């Protein structure tokens, strides 16, 4: 019983550290992205299914896509042992 609680505590600590590291990394990427937007001169619209967005800098579109992929990849876990 005590061994199970220790394993659960270690797992929770690992998941919290992983979440904190990923959040810190992605927030810092977002801050660098916002700082880099001041030098953007090329704008583009994103075509959605229904309509288009407002004109956004291309670097912002690419940066947000990268951050979204990083968040998605950090949340998903693949268990190769099965």
N, C-alpha and C. Protein backbone atom coordinates (compact mmCIF):
# COMPACT_ATOMS: atom_id res chain seq x y z
N UNK A 1 0.83 -1.19 0.00
CA UNK A 1 0.00 0.00 0.00
C UNK A 1 0.87 1.26 0.00
N UNK A 2 1.92 1.25 0.80
CA UNK A 2 2.80 2.41 0.87
C UNK A 2 3.58 2.56 -0.43
N UNK A 3 3.97 1.44 -1.02
CA UNK A 3 4.72 1.45 -2.28
C UNK A 3 3.87 2.06 -3.40
N UNK A 4 2.58 1.77 -3.43
CA UNK A 4 1.69 2.31 -4.45
C UNK A 4 1.56 3.82 -4.28
N UNK A 5 1.45 4.30 -3.04
CA UNK A 5 1.33 5.73 -2.80
C UNK A 5 2.61 6.45 -3.21
N UNK A 6 3.75 5.85 -2.99
CA UNK A 6 5.02 6.47 -3.37
C UNK A 6 5.11 6.57 -4.89
N UNK A 7 4.69 5.51 -5.60
CA UNK A 7 4.72 5.53 -7.06
C UNK A 7 3.75 6.58 -7.61
N UNK A 8 2.57 6.69 -7.01
CA UNK A 8 1.60 7.70 -7.44
C UNK A 8 2.13 9.10 -7.20
N UNK A 9 2.80 9.32 -6.07
CA UNK A 9 3.37 10.62 -5.75
C UNK A 9 4.47 10.98 -6.74
N UNK A 10 5.32 10.02 -7.08
CA UNK A 10 6.38 10.27 -8.05
C UNK A 10 5.81 10.58 -9.42
N UNK A 11 4.74 9.87 -9.81
CA UNK A 11 4.11 10.11 -11.10
C UNK A 11 3.49 11.50 -11.15
N UNK A 12 2.82 11.90 -10.08
CA UNK A 12 2.21 13.22 -10.03
C UNK A 12 3.28 14.30 -10.07
N UNK A 13 4.38 14.11 -9.34
CA UNK A 13 5.47 15.09 -9.38
C UNK A 13 6.07 15.19 -10.77
N UNK A 14 6.24 14.05 -11.45
CA UNK A 14 6.78 14.05 -12.81
C UNK A 14 5.85 14.79 -13.76
N UNK A 15 4.55 14.52 -13.67
CA UNK A 15 3.59 15.18 -14.56
C UNK A 15 3.51 16.67 -14.29
N UNK A 16 3.60 17.07 -13.03
CA UNK A 16 3.57 18.51 -12.71
C UNK A 16 4.82 19.21 -13.22
N UNK A 17 5.99 18.58 -13.09
CA UNK A 17 7.22 19.17 -13.61
C UNK A 17 7.17 19.27 -15.13
N UNK A 18 6.65 18.24 -15.77
CA UNK A 18 6.52 18.24 -17.23
C UNK A 18 5.58 19.36 -17.69
N UNK A 19 4.45 19.50 -17.02
CA UNK A 19 3.49 20.55 -17.35
C UNK A 19 4.09 21.94 -17.13
N UNK A 20 4.80 22.12 -16.03
CA UNK A 20 5.41 23.42 -15.74
C UNK A 20 6.50 23.76 -16.75
N UNK A 21 7.31 22.78 -17.12
CA UNK A 21 8.36 23.01 -18.11
C UNK A 21 7.77 23.37 -19.47
N UNK A 22 6.75 22.64 -19.90
CA UNK A 22 6.12 22.92 -21.19
C UNK A 22 5.43 24.27 -21.19
N UNK A 23 4.76 24.61 -20.12
CA UNK A 23 4.09 25.91 -20.05
C UNK A 23 5.11 27.05 -20.08
N UNK A 24 6.20 26.90 -19.34
CA UNK A 24 7.24 27.92 -19.32
C UNK A 24 7.87 28.08 -20.70
N UNK A 25 8.17 26.97 -21.36
CA UNK A 25 8.77 27.01 -22.69
C UNK A 25 7.85 27.68 -23.70
N UNK A 26 6.57 27.32 -23.70
CA UNK A 26 5.64 27.88 -24.68
C UNK A 26 5.32 29.34 -24.40
N UNK A 27 5.27 29.74 -23.14
CA UNK A 27 5.06 31.15 -22.82
C UNK A 27 6.25 31.98 -23.25
N UNK A 28 7.45 31.45 -23.06
CA UNK A 28 8.64 32.19 -23.50
C UNK A 28 8.68 32.28 -25.02
N UNK A 29 8.28 31.21 -25.73
CA UNK A 29 8.18 31.28 -27.18
C UNK A 29 7.16 32.32 -27.62
N UNK A 30 6.04 32.40 -26.93
CA UNK A 30 5.02 33.40 -27.27
C UNK A 30 5.53 34.81 -27.05
N UNK A 31 6.27 35.04 -25.98
CA UNK A 31 6.83 36.37 -25.72
C UNK A 31 7.85 36.77 -26.79
N UNK A 32 8.68 35.82 -27.21
CA UNK A 32 9.63 36.09 -28.29
C UNK A 32 8.88 36.36 -29.58
N UNK A 33 7.80 35.65 -29.82
CA UNK A 33 6.98 35.86 -31.01
C UNK A 33 6.38 37.26 -31.02
N UNK A 34 5.83 37.68 -29.91
CA UNK A 34 5.24 39.02 -29.81
C UNK A 34 6.30 40.09 -30.01
N UNK A 35 7.49 39.89 -29.46
CA UNK A 35 8.56 40.87 -29.64
C UNK A 35 9.00 40.93 -31.10
N UNK A 36 9.02 39.81 -31.77
CA UNK A 36 9.43 39.78 -33.17
C UNK A 36 8.39 40.33 -34.12
N UNK A 37 7.17 40.49 -33.67
CA UNK A 37 6.11 41.01 -34.55
C UNK A 37 6.32 42.47 -34.91
N UNK A 38 7.10 43.18 -34.13
CA UNK A 38 7.31 44.60 -34.41
C UNK A 38 8.05 44.80 -35.72
N UNK A 39 8.82 43.83 -36.17
CA UNK A 39 9.60 43.97 -37.39
C UNK A 39 8.92 43.30 -38.58
N UNK A 40 7.69 42.86 -38.43
CA UNK A 40 7.01 42.18 -39.53
C UNK A 40 6.43 43.20 -40.50
N UNK A 41 6.60 42.93 -41.78
CA UNK A 41 6.04 43.82 -42.78
C UNK A 41 5.10 43.09 -43.74
N UNK A 42 5.19 41.76 -43.82
CA UNK A 42 4.34 40.99 -44.73
C UNK A 42 3.12 40.45 -43.96
N UNK A 43 1.96 40.72 -44.52
CA UNK A 43 0.72 40.30 -43.89
C UNK A 43 -0.01 39.31 -44.80
N UNK A 44 -0.81 38.46 -44.19
CA UNK A 44 -1.58 37.48 -44.95
C UNK A 44 -2.87 37.18 -44.18
N UNK A 45 -3.85 36.66 -44.90
CA UNK A 45 -5.10 36.24 -44.27
C UNK A 45 -5.15 34.72 -44.23
N UNK A 46 -5.77 34.18 -43.19
CA UNK A 46 -5.95 32.74 -43.06
C UNK A 46 -7.35 32.41 -43.55
N UNK A 47 -7.44 31.52 -44.53
CA UNK A 47 -8.74 31.11 -45.07
C UNK A 47 -9.31 29.99 -44.21
N UNK A 48 -10.36 30.30 -43.49
CA UNK A 48 -11.05 29.29 -42.70
C UNK A 48 -12.16 28.68 -43.56
N UNK A 49 -12.88 27.73 -43.02
CA UNK A 49 -13.94 27.07 -43.80
C UNK A 49 -15.04 28.06 -44.15
N UNK A 50 -15.43 28.88 -43.21
CA UNK A 50 -16.56 29.79 -43.41
C UNK A 50 -16.11 31.11 -44.04
N UNK A 51 -15.10 31.75 -43.47
CA UNK A 51 -14.64 33.04 -43.98
C UNK A 51 -13.15 33.22 -43.70
N UNK A 52 -12.64 34.43 -43.90
CA UNK A 52 -11.23 34.71 -43.70
C UNK A 52 -11.02 35.49 -42.41
N UNK A 53 -9.80 35.42 -41.90
CA UNK A 53 -9.45 36.21 -40.72
C UNK A 53 -8.98 37.59 -41.17
N UNK A 54 -8.68 38.43 -40.23
CA UNK A 54 -8.10 39.74 -40.54
C UNK A 54 -6.66 39.52 -41.00
N UNK A 55 -6.06 40.53 -41.57
CA UNK A 55 -4.67 40.42 -42.01
C UNK A 55 -3.75 40.28 -40.81
N UNK A 56 -2.98 39.21 -40.80
CA UNK A 56 -2.04 38.92 -39.72
C UNK A 56 -0.64 38.79 -40.30
N UNK A 57 0.38 39.14 -39.53
CA UNK A 57 1.75 38.91 -40.01
C UNK A 57 2.02 37.41 -40.20
N UNK A 58 2.73 37.08 -41.25
CA UNK A 58 3.02 35.69 -41.56
C UNK A 58 3.80 35.03 -40.42
N UNK A 59 4.71 35.78 -39.81
CA UNK A 59 5.49 35.21 -38.70
C UNK A 59 4.59 34.86 -37.52
N UNK A 60 3.53 35.62 -37.31
CA UNK A 60 2.59 35.32 -36.22
C UNK A 60 1.84 34.03 -36.51
N UNK A 61 1.41 33.85 -37.75
CA UNK A 61 0.68 32.64 -38.14
C UNK A 61 1.56 31.41 -37.97
N UNK A 62 2.80 31.49 -38.44
CA UNK A 62 3.73 30.37 -38.32
C UNK A 62 4.07 30.10 -36.86
N UNK A 63 4.31 31.16 -36.08
CA UNK A 63 4.67 31.01 -34.67
C UNK A 63 3.56 30.39 -33.85
N UNK A 64 2.34 30.84 -34.07
CA UNK A 64 1.20 30.28 -33.33
C UNK A 64 0.99 28.82 -33.70
N UNK A 65 1.21 28.48 -34.97
CA UNK A 65 1.09 27.08 -35.39
C UNK A 65 2.14 26.23 -34.69
N UNK A 66 3.36 26.75 -34.58
CA UNK A 66 4.42 26.00 -33.91
C UNK A 66 4.12 25.83 -32.43
N UNK A 67 3.65 26.88 -31.78
CA UNK A 67 3.33 26.80 -30.35
C UNK A 67 2.16 25.83 -30.13
N UNK A 68 1.15 25.88 -31.01
CA UNK A 68 0.03 24.94 -30.90
C UNK A 68 0.47 23.50 -31.05
N UNK A 69 1.38 23.25 -31.99
CA UNK A 69 1.92 21.90 -32.16
C UNK A 69 2.75 21.46 -30.97
N UNK A 70 3.49 22.39 -30.40
CA UNK A 70 4.30 22.07 -29.22
C UNK A 70 3.41 21.72 -28.03
N UNK A 71 2.34 22.47 -27.85
CA UNK A 71 1.41 22.18 -26.76
C UNK A 71 0.70 20.84 -26.97
N UNK A 72 0.27 20.60 -28.19
CA UNK A 72 -0.41 19.33 -28.50
C UNK A 72 0.52 18.15 -28.30
N UNK A 73 1.76 18.29 -28.75
CA UNK A 73 2.73 17.21 -28.59
C UNK A 73 3.11 16.95 -27.16
N UNK A 74 3.08 17.99 -26.33
CA UNK A 74 3.43 17.79 -24.93
C UNK A 74 2.27 17.18 -24.13
N UNK A 75 1.06 17.40 -24.59
CA UNK A 75 -0.10 16.85 -23.88
C UNK A 75 -0.29 15.37 -24.23
N UNK A 76 -0.11 15.04 -25.51
CA UNK A 76 -0.31 13.66 -25.94
C UNK A 76 0.87 12.80 -25.49
N UNK A 77 0.57 11.62 -25.03
CA UNK A 77 1.62 10.67 -24.68
C UNK A 77 1.37 9.37 -25.41
N UNK A 78 2.43 8.79 -25.92
CA UNK A 78 2.33 7.53 -26.64
C UNK A 78 3.05 6.47 -25.82
N UNK A 79 2.34 5.39 -25.53
CA UNK A 79 2.92 4.31 -24.77
C UNK A 79 3.35 3.21 -25.73
N UNK A 80 4.67 3.09 -25.96
CA UNK A 80 5.18 2.12 -26.91
C UNK A 80 5.32 0.73 -26.30
N UNK A 81 5.08 0.57 -25.02
CA UNK A 81 5.25 -0.72 -24.37
C UNK A 81 4.11 -1.67 -24.65
N UNK A 82 2.97 -1.15 -25.10
CA UNK A 82 1.80 -2.01 -25.33
C UNK A 82 1.92 -2.78 -26.60
